[in-house]
Amino acid sequence: MNDCVFCGIAAGKIPSKKIFEDDEIFAFHDIDPKAPTHFLVIPKRHIENLMECGAEDEALLGKLLVKAQETAKDLGCGESGARFVINCKSGAGQTVGHLHIHVLGGRELKWPPG
């Protein structure tokens, strides 16, 4: 999708602080972190949100989650833990129309989030 900021980041057209990249996924630090560790994991293929996924996306979704937890561990959250968040559509707080997992850690996170 031409006007999607995350597609632009994954394609290298928009600068980011990249953590990981392969043929299917891209991970980068959040531009406005809400915790000492705050990064995003996205599919390179444009998927608007989780509600748009089907059975054909099962392997990709699993890969996104595994890479998110591996990266959280690599960035020091293995012992203390991390929060994995997928906001879906604007009513749930999704501000960029491209599926993404927020991973937050490095401090105590309260519930419910405020």
N, C-alpha and C. Protein backbone atom coordinates (compact mmCIF):
# COMPACT_ATOMS: atom_id res chain seq x y z
N MET A 1 0.85 -1.17 0.00
CA MET A 1 0.00 0.00 0.00
C MET A 1 0.89 1.24 0.00
N ASN A 2 0.68 2.14 -0.92
CA ASN A 2 1.58 3.27 -1.15
C ASN A 2 1.62 4.29 -0.02
N ASP A 3 0.52 4.54 0.66
CA ASP A 3 0.50 5.58 1.68
C ASP A 3 0.64 5.06 3.10
N CYS A 4 0.93 3.80 3.28
CA CYS A 4 1.07 3.20 4.61
C CYS A 4 2.46 3.46 5.16
N VAL A 5 2.53 4.12 6.31
CA VAL A 5 3.81 4.45 6.91
C VAL A 5 4.61 3.20 7.26
N PHE A 6 3.95 2.15 7.75
CA PHE A 6 4.70 0.94 8.10
C PHE A 6 5.20 0.20 6.88
N CYS A 7 4.45 0.24 5.78
CA CYS A 7 4.96 -0.33 4.52
C CYS A 7 6.21 0.44 4.09
N GLY A 8 6.19 1.77 4.23
CA GLY A 8 7.34 2.59 3.90
C GLY A 8 8.54 2.27 4.78
N ILE A 9 8.31 2.04 6.05
CA ILE A 9 9.40 1.66 6.97
C ILE A 9 9.97 0.31 6.57
N ALA A 10 9.10 -0.67 6.34
CA ALA A 10 9.56 -2.02 5.98
C ALA A 10 10.32 -2.03 4.66
N ALA A 11 9.96 -1.13 3.75
CA ALA A 11 10.63 -1.04 2.45
C ALA A 11 11.91 -0.21 2.51
N GLY A 12 12.20 0.39 3.65
CA GLY A 12 13.40 1.21 3.78
C GLY A 12 13.24 2.62 3.23
N LYS A 13 12.04 3.02 2.88
CA LYS A 13 11.80 4.37 2.34
C LYS A 13 11.62 5.40 3.45
N ILE A 14 11.26 4.95 4.63
CA ILE A 14 11.12 5.82 5.80
C ILE A 14 12.10 5.32 6.84
N PRO A 15 12.95 6.19 7.38
CA PRO A 15 13.95 5.74 8.35
C PRO A 15 13.31 5.18 9.62
N SER A 16 13.98 4.19 10.19
CA SER A 16 13.57 3.62 11.47
C SER A 16 14.81 3.10 12.17
N LYS A 17 14.64 2.79 13.44
CA LYS A 17 15.72 2.18 14.21
C LYS A 17 15.46 0.68 14.18
N LYS A 18 15.94 0.06 13.11
CA LYS A 18 15.66 -1.35 12.84
C LYS A 18 16.32 -2.26 13.87
N ILE A 19 15.56 -3.30 14.26
CA ILE A 19 16.06 -4.33 15.15
C ILE A 19 16.30 -5.62 14.38
N PHE A 20 15.35 -5.98 13.51
CA PHE A 20 15.39 -7.25 12.80
C PHE A 20 14.64 -7.12 11.49
N GLU A 21 15.11 -7.88 10.49
CA GLU A 21 14.41 -7.94 9.21
C GLU A 21 14.70 -9.27 8.54
N ASP A 22 13.67 -9.85 7.96
CA ASP A 22 13.84 -10.98 7.05
C ASP A 22 12.88 -10.79 5.88
N ASP A 23 12.60 -11.82 5.12
CA ASP A 23 11.74 -11.69 3.94
C ASP A 23 10.29 -11.35 4.28
N GLU A 24 9.83 -11.73 5.50
CA GLU A 24 8.42 -11.58 5.85
C GLU A 24 8.11 -10.56 6.93
N ILE A 25 9.05 -10.32 7.83
CA ILE A 25 8.76 -9.46 8.97
C ILE A 25 9.85 -8.42 9.21
N PHE A 26 9.49 -7.40 9.96
CA PHE A 26 10.38 -6.28 10.26
C PHE A 26 10.10 -5.86 11.70
N ALA A 27 11.14 -5.62 12.47
CA ALA A 27 11.00 -5.16 13.85
C ALA A 27 11.82 -3.88 14.02
N PHE A 28 11.24 -2.91 14.74
CA PHE A 28 11.92 -1.63 14.92
C PHE A 28 11.45 -0.97 16.21
N HIS A 29 12.29 -0.09 16.73
CA HIS A 29 11.96 0.63 17.96
C HIS A 29 10.85 1.64 17.71
N ASP A 30 9.94 1.77 18.68
CA ASP A 30 8.84 2.73 18.58
C ASP A 30 9.39 4.15 18.62
N ILE A 31 8.85 5.02 17.80
CA ILE A 31 9.30 6.41 17.73
C ILE A 31 8.90 7.21 18.98
N ASP A 32 7.87 6.75 19.69
CA ASP A 32 7.37 7.43 20.89
C ASP A 32 7.21 6.39 22.00
N PRO A 33 8.33 5.89 22.55
CA PRO A 33 8.27 4.77 23.49
C PRO A 33 7.49 5.08 24.76
N LYS A 34 6.73 4.09 25.21
CA LYS A 34 5.93 4.19 26.44
C LYS A 34 6.55 3.39 27.58
N ALA A 35 7.70 2.79 27.32
CA ALA A 35 8.45 2.03 28.32
C ALA A 35 9.91 2.02 27.88
N PRO A 36 10.85 1.70 28.77
CA PRO A 36 12.26 1.65 28.37
C PRO A 36 12.52 0.75 27.16
N THR A 37 11.81 -0.37 27.10
CA THR A 37 11.84 -1.22 25.91
C THR A 37 10.47 -1.09 25.26
N HIS A 38 10.43 -0.62 24.02
CA HIS A 38 9.17 -0.50 23.28
C HIS A 38 9.51 -0.59 21.80
N PHE A 39 9.12 -1.71 21.21
CA PHE A 39 9.37 -1.90 19.79
C PHE A 39 8.14 -2.51 19.13
N LEU A 40 8.14 -2.49 17.81
CA LEU A 40 7.04 -3.03 17.02
C LEU A 40 7.55 -4.15 16.13
N VAL A 41 6.70 -5.13 15.91
CA VAL A 41 6.98 -6.20 14.96
C VAL A 41 5.83 -6.19 13.96
N ILE A 42 6.17 -6.10 12.67
CA ILE A 42 5.16 -5.99 11.63
C ILE A 42 5.41 -7.01 10.52
N PRO A 43 4.34 -7.41 9.82
CA PRO A 43 4.57 -8.16 8.59
C PRO A 43 4.97 -7.17 7.49
N LYS A 44 5.82 -7.57 6.59
CA LYS A 44 6.17 -6.71 5.47
C LYS A 44 4.99 -6.58 4.51
N ARG A 45 4.23 -7.63 4.36
CA ARG A 45 3.04 -7.58 3.52
C ARG A 45 1.98 -6.76 4.23
N HIS A 46 1.33 -5.88 3.51
CA HIS A 46 0.33 -5.04 4.13
C HIS A 46 -0.90 -5.86 4.53
N ILE A 47 -1.17 -5.86 5.82
CA ILE A 47 -2.40 -6.42 6.39
C ILE A 47 -2.94 -5.31 7.27
N GLU A 48 -4.15 -4.88 7.02
CA GLU A 48 -4.72 -3.72 7.71
C GLU A 48 -4.77 -3.91 9.23
N ASN A 49 -5.26 -5.05 9.68
CA ASN A 49 -5.34 -5.33 11.13
C ASN A 49 -5.59 -6.82 11.33
N LEU A 50 -5.61 -7.25 12.56
CA LEU A 50 -5.76 -8.66 12.87
C LEU A 50 -7.09 -9.22 12.37
N MET A 51 -8.12 -8.40 12.34
CA MET A 51 -9.43 -8.85 11.88
C MET A 51 -9.44 -9.22 10.39
N GLU A 52 -8.42 -8.80 9.65
CA GLU A 52 -8.32 -9.09 8.22
C GLU A 52 -7.59 -10.41 7.94
N CYS A 53 -7.05 -11.04 8.97
CA CYS A 53 -6.28 -12.27 8.79
C CYS A 53 -7.20 -13.48 8.63
N GLY A 54 -6.70 -14.45 7.89
CA GLY A 54 -7.43 -15.70 7.71
C GLY A 54 -6.51 -16.88 7.98
N ALA A 55 -7.02 -18.06 7.70
CA ALA A 55 -6.26 -19.29 7.93
C ALA A 55 -4.93 -19.27 7.18
N GLU A 56 -4.89 -18.62 6.03
CA GLU A 56 -3.65 -18.55 5.25
C GLU A 56 -2.56 -17.73 5.94
N ASP A 57 -2.91 -17.00 6.98
CA ASP A 57 -1.95 -16.16 7.71
C ASP A 57 -1.44 -16.81 9.00
N GLU A 58 -1.87 -18.03 9.29
CA GLU A 58 -1.49 -18.66 10.55
C GLU A 58 0.01 -18.73 10.76
N ALA A 59 0.75 -19.16 9.75
CA ALA A 59 2.20 -19.29 9.90
C ALA A 59 2.85 -17.92 10.12
N LEU A 60 2.41 -16.93 9.39
CA LEU A 60 2.96 -15.58 9.54
C LEU A 60 2.66 -15.02 10.93
N LEU A 61 1.45 -15.20 11.42
CA LEU A 61 1.10 -14.72 12.76
C LEU A 61 1.95 -15.40 13.83
N GLY A 62 2.16 -16.69 13.68
CA GLY A 62 3.02 -17.40 14.62
C GLY A 62 4.44 -16.88 14.58
N LYS A 63 4.93 -16.62 13.37
CA LYS A 63 6.30 -16.10 13.22
C LYS A 63 6.43 -14.72 13.85
N LEU A 64 5.42 -13.87 13.68
CA LEU A 64 5.44 -12.54 14.30
C LEU A 64 5.54 -12.65 15.82
N LEU A 65 4.74 -13.54 16.42
CA LEU A 65 4.75 -13.69 17.88
C LEU A 65 6.07 -14.27 18.38
N VAL A 66 6.59 -15.27 17.69
CA VAL A 66 7.86 -15.86 18.11
C VAL A 66 8.99 -14.83 18.02
N LYS A 67 9.03 -14.08 16.94
CA LYS A 67 10.08 -13.06 16.80
C LYS A 67 9.91 -11.97 17.86
N ALA A 68 8.67 -11.62 18.20
CA ALA A 68 8.42 -10.62 19.24
C ALA A 68 8.98 -11.09 20.58
N GLN A 69 8.72 -12.34 20.96
CA GLN A 69 9.22 -12.81 22.25
C GLN A 69 10.73 -13.02 22.23
N GLU A 70 11.30 -13.47 21.12
CA GLU A 70 12.75 -13.62 21.02
C GLU A 70 13.44 -12.26 21.16
N THR A 71 12.89 -11.26 20.49
CA THR A 71 13.47 -9.92 20.54
C THR A 71 13.33 -9.32 21.93
N ALA A 72 12.19 -9.54 22.58
CA ALA A 72 12.01 -9.06 23.96
C ALA A 72 13.09 -9.65 24.86
N LYS A 73 13.34 -10.93 24.72
CA LYS A 73 14.41 -11.56 25.51
C LYS A 73 15.76 -10.95 25.18
N ASP A 74 16.05 -10.77 23.87
CA ASP A 74 17.34 -10.20 23.46
C ASP A 74 17.54 -8.79 24.01
N LEU A 75 16.45 -8.06 24.20
CA LEU A 75 16.54 -6.69 24.70
C LEU A 75 16.41 -6.60 26.22
N GLY A 76 16.53 -7.73 26.90
CA GLY A 76 16.61 -7.72 28.36
C GLY A 76 15.34 -7.96 29.13
N CYS A 77 14.27 -8.36 28.46
CA CYS A 77 12.98 -8.55 29.14
C CYS A 77 12.70 -10.02 29.50
N GLY A 78 13.66 -10.89 29.32
CA GLY A 78 13.44 -12.30 29.57
C GLY A 78 13.08 -12.63 31.01
N GLU A 79 13.72 -11.98 31.96
CA GLU A 79 13.46 -12.25 33.37
C GLU A 79 12.24 -11.49 33.90
N SER A 80 12.17 -10.21 33.60
CA SER A 80 11.11 -9.38 34.17
C SER A 80 9.80 -9.47 33.40
N GLY A 81 9.86 -9.84 32.13
CA GLY A 81 8.65 -9.99 31.32
C GLY A 81 8.42 -8.81 30.40
N ALA A 82 7.39 -8.95 29.58
CA ALA A 82 7.03 -7.92 28.61
C ALA A 82 5.54 -8.00 28.33
N ARG A 83 5.02 -6.92 27.81
CA ARG A 83 3.61 -6.88 27.38
C ARG A 83 3.59 -6.88 25.86
N PHE A 84 2.73 -7.74 25.29
CA PHE A 84 2.56 -7.87 23.85
C PHE A 84 1.15 -7.39 23.52
N VAL A 85 1.04 -6.33 22.69
CA VAL A 85 -0.25 -5.68 22.44
C VAL A 85 -0.50 -5.62 20.94
N ILE A 86 -1.71 -6.03 20.54
CA ILE A 86 -2.16 -5.84 19.17
C ILE A 86 -3.47 -5.06 19.24
N ASN A 87 -3.41 -3.76 18.94
CA ASN A 87 -4.62 -2.96 18.85
C ASN A 87 -5.26 -3.21 17.49
N CYS A 88 -6.56 -3.34 17.46
CA CYS A 88 -7.24 -3.70 16.22
C CYS A 88 -8.39 -2.73 15.96
N LYS A 89 -8.20 -1.88 14.99
CA LYS A 89 -9.14 -0.84 14.55
C LYS A 89 -9.10 0.35 15.51
N SER A 90 -9.59 1.48 15.04
CA SER A 90 -9.46 2.74 15.78
C SER A 90 -10.14 2.71 17.14
N GLY A 91 -11.25 1.99 17.27
CA GLY A 91 -11.95 1.92 18.55
C GLY A 91 -11.14 1.23 19.63
N ALA A 92 -10.13 0.47 19.24
CA ALA A 92 -9.26 -0.21 20.19
C ALA A 92 -7.90 0.46 20.29
N GLY A 93 -7.74 1.59 19.63
CA GLY A 93 -6.49 2.34 19.74
C GLY A 93 -5.50 2.15 18.61
N GLN A 94 -5.88 1.46 17.54
CA GLN A 94 -4.97 1.31 16.41
C GLN A 94 -4.88 2.64 15.67
N THR A 95 -3.67 3.18 15.57
CA THR A 95 -3.48 4.48 14.93
C THR A 95 -2.82 4.38 13.56
N VAL A 96 -2.20 3.25 13.26
CA VAL A 96 -1.62 3.00 11.93
C VAL A 96 -2.31 1.77 11.37
N GLY A 97 -2.87 1.91 10.18
CA GLY A 97 -3.61 0.82 9.56
C GLY A 97 -2.73 -0.22 8.92
N HIS A 98 -1.92 -0.87 9.74
CA HIS A 98 -1.05 -1.96 9.32
C HIS A 98 -0.85 -2.82 10.56
N LEU A 99 -1.13 -4.10 10.46
CA LEU A 99 -0.98 -5.00 11.60
C LEU A 99 0.38 -4.83 12.26
N HIS A 100 0.38 -4.67 13.57
CA HIS A 100 1.64 -4.56 14.30
C HIS A 100 1.46 -5.01 15.74
N ILE A 101 2.53 -5.56 16.27
CA ILE A 101 2.58 -5.96 17.68
C ILE A 101 3.48 -4.97 18.41
N HIS A 102 2.92 -4.33 19.43
CA HIS A 102 3.74 -3.50 20.33
C HIS A 102 4.31 -4.44 21.39
N VAL A 103 5.58 -4.30 21.69
CA VAL A 103 6.19 -5.03 22.79
C VAL A 103 6.80 -4.00 23.73
N LEU A 104 6.34 -4.05 25.00
CA LEU A 104 6.79 -3.09 26.01
C LEU A 104 7.37 -3.84 27.21
N GLY A 105 8.44 -3.30 27.76
CA GLY A 105 9.05 -3.89 28.94
C GLY A 105 10.08 -2.96 29.53
N GLY A 106 10.82 -3.45 30.49
CA GLY A 106 11.86 -2.66 31.12
C GLY A 106 11.40 -1.87 32.33
N ARG A 107 10.13 -1.97 32.66
CA ARG A 107 9.58 -1.37 33.87
C ARG A 107 8.32 -2.13 34.23
N GLU A 108 7.83 -1.93 35.44
CA GLU A 108 6.60 -2.59 35.85
C GLU A 108 5.43 -1.96 35.10
N LEU A 109 4.60 -2.81 34.51
CA LEU A 109 3.44 -2.36 33.75
C LEU A 109 2.19 -2.72 34.52
N LYS A 110 1.34 -1.75 34.74
CA LYS A 110 0.10 -1.95 35.52
C LYS A 110 -1.04 -2.46 34.64
N TRP A 111 -2.03 -3.05 35.27
CA TRP A 111 -3.24 -3.48 34.59
C TRP A 111 -4.44 -3.00 35.36
N PRO A 112 -5.43 -2.45 34.75
CA PRO A 112 -5.50 -2.21 33.30
C PRO A 112 -4.59 -1.06 32.90
N PRO A 113 -4.16 -1.06 31.63
CA PRO A 113 -3.30 0.04 31.18
C PRO A 113 -4.07 1.35 31.27
N GLY A 114 -3.38 2.41 31.52
CA GLY A 114 -4.06 3.68 31.70
C GLY A 114 -3.66 4.69 30.78
